[in-house]
C-alpha atoms as a PDB file:
ATOM      1  CA  MET A   1       0.000   0.000   0.000  1.00  0.00           C
ATOM      2  CA  LYS A   2       2.936   2.345   0.623  1.00  0.00           C
ATOM      3  CA  ILE A   3       4.065   2.078  -2.993  1.00  0.00           C
ATOM      4  CA  TYR A   4       0.567   2.873  -4.231  1.00  0.00           C
ATOM      5  CA  ASN A   5       0.341   5.909  -1.941  1.00  0.00           C
ATOM      6  CA  LYS A   6       3.720   7.211  -3.111  1.00  0.00           C
ATOM      7  CA  ILE A   7       2.768   6.748  -6.771  1.00  0.00           C
ATOM      8  CA  MET A   8      -0.553   8.533  -6.310  1.00  0.00           C
ATOM      9  CA  SER A   9       1.115  11.328  -4.376  1.00  0.00           C
ATOM     10  CA  TYR A  10       3.545  11.952  -7.214  1.00  0.00           C
ATOM     11  CA  PHE A  11       0.709  11.601  -9.723  1.00  0.00           C
ATOM     12  CA  TRP A  12      -1.145  14.521  -8.112  1.00  0.00           C
ATOM     13  CA  LEU A  13       1.989  16.636  -7.999  1.00  0.00           C
ATOM     14  CA  PHE A  14       2.749  15.856 -11.643  1.00  0.00           C
ATOM     15  CA  SER A  15      -0.829  16.603 -12.695  1.00  0.00           C
ATOM     16  CA  ALA A  16      -0.763  19.946 -10.845  1.00  0.00           C
ATOM     17  CA  ILE A  17       2.451  20.977 -12.590  1.00  0.00           C
ATOM     18  CA  THR A  18       1.184  19.806 -15.978  1.00  0.00           C
ATOM     19  CA  ILE A  19      -2.146  21.591 -15.623  1.00  0.00           C
ATOM     20  CA  LEU A  20      -0.359  24.751 -14.474  1.00  0.00           C
ATOM     21  CA  LEU A  21       1.881  24.744 -17.533  1.00  0.00           C
ATOM     22  CA  ILE A  22      -0.951  24.033 -19.970  1.00  0.00           C
ATOM     23  CA  VAL A  23      -3.329  26.618 -18.503  1.00  0.00           C
ATOM     24  CA  THR A  24      -0.605  29.257 -18.355  1.00  0.00           C
ATOM     25  CA  TYR A  25       0.359  28.621 -21.971  1.00  0.00           C
ATOM     26  CA  MET A  26      -3.263  28.732 -23.110  1.00  0.00           C
ATOM     27  CA  SER A  27      -3.820  31.912 -21.084  1.00  0.00           C
ATOM     28  CA  PHE A  28      -1.013  33.668 -22.943  1.00  0.00           C
ATOM     29  CA  THR A  29      -2.092  32.420 -26.375  1.00  0.00           C
ATOM     30  CA  GLU A  30      -5.891  32.736 -26.157  1.00  0.00           C
ATOM     31  CA  GLY A  31      -6.414  35.271 -23.401  1.00  0.00           C
ATOM     32  CA  PHE A  32      -6.310  35.179 -19.652  1.00  0.00           C
ATOM     33  CA  ASN A  33     -10.006  35.915 -19.176  1.00  0.00           C
ATOM     34  CA  LYS A  34     -10.980  32.738 -20.996  1.00  0.00           C
ATOM     35  CA  TRP A  35      -8.609  30.406 -19.084  1.00  0.00           C
ATOM     36  CA  ALA A  36      -8.335  32.000 -15.628  1.00  0.00           C
ATOM     37  CA  TYR A  37     -10.909  29.800 -13.925  1.00  0.00           C
ATOM     38  CA  TYR A  38      -8.993  26.634 -14.925  1.00  0.00           C
ATOM     39  CA  TYR A  39      -6.424  27.459 -12.254  1.00  0.00           C
ATOM     40  CA  ILE A  40      -8.900  25.974  -9.778  1.00  0.00           C
ATOM     41  CA  PHE A  41      -7.833  22.558 -11.107  1.00  0.00           C
ATOM     42  CA  VAL A  42      -4.224  23.360 -10.242  1.00  0.00           C
ATOM     43  CA  LEU A  43      -5.243  24.328  -6.726  1.00  0.00           C
ATOM     44  CA  THR A  44      -7.356  21.195  -6.381  1.00  0.00           C
ATOM     45  CA  SER A  45      -4.509  18.936  -7.499  1.00  0.00           C
ATOM     46  CA  LEU A  46      -2.088  20.639  -5.123  1.00  0.00           C
ATOM     47  CA  ALA A  47      -4.588  20.335  -2.287  1.00  0.00           C
ATOM     48  CA  VAL A  48      -4.973  16.605  -2.924  1.00  0.00           C
ATOM     49  CA  TYR A  49      -1.190  16.198  -3.059  1.00  0.00           C
ATOM     50  CA  PHE A  50      -0.666  17.963   0.276  1.00  0.00           C
ATOM     51  CA  LEU A  51      -3.610  16.164   1.869  1.00  0.00           C
ATOM     52  CA  LYS A  52      -2.252  12.815   0.707  1.00  0.00           C
ATOM     53  CA  THR A  53       1.236  13.620   2.008  1.00  0.00           C
ATOM     54  CA  TRP A  54      -0.159  14.734   5.358  1.00  0.00           C
ATOM     55  CA  MET A  55      -2.329  11.626   5.686  1.00  0.00           C
ATOM     56  CA  MET A  56       0.589   9.326   4.821  1.00  0.00           C
ATOM     57  CA  LYS A  57       2.723  10.903   7.562  1.00  0.00           C
ATOM     58  CA  ARG A  58      -0.176  10.717   9.979  1.00  0.00           C
ATOM     59  CA  MET A  59      -0.728   7.040   9.189  1.00  0.00           C
ATOM     60  CA  ASP A  60       2.973   6.280   9.683  1.00  0.00           C
ATOM     61  CA  ARG A  61       2.921   7.958  13.093  1.00  0.00           C
ATOM     62  CA  HIS A  62      -0.223   6.021  14.023  1.00  0.00           C
ATOM     63  CA  ASN A  63       1.332   2.707  12.953  1.00  0.00           C
ATOM     64  CA  GLU A  64       4.415   3.472  15.070  1.00  0.00           C
ATOM     65  CA  PHE A  65       2.140   4.284  18.005  1.00  0.00           C
ATOM     66  CA  LEU A  66       0.290   0.986  17.613  1.00  0.00           C
ATOM     67  CA  LYS A  67       3.548  -0.931  17.312  1.00  0.00           C
ATOM     68  CA  GLU A  68       4.869   0.736  20.465  1.00  0.00           C
ATOM     69  CA  LYS A  69       1.609   0.069  22.282  1.00  0.00           C
ATOM     70  CA  ASN A  70       1.751  -3.629  21.386  1.00  0.00           C
ATOM     71  CA  THR A  71       5.352  -4.000  22.538  1.00  0.00           C
ATOM     72  CA  ILE A  72       4.537  -2.476  25.951  1.00  0.00           C
ATOM     73  CA  LYS A  73       1.846  -5.072  26.664  1.00  0.00           C
END
């Protein structure tokens, strides 16, 4: 499951960068007013990336806590 989480984390980061580049390019070629609202997809992808990273760290800390709890008993 850790490999899957890492892959998906990098997928969201890659998609955010790709969308940012595409939307920025299209904004310069076709006009910013037409493409400005597509930046919400960049923000959404970045939010998912940071949420996924935070949850992975949180889950690791929880697993360490459970492992420590089981060794004490």
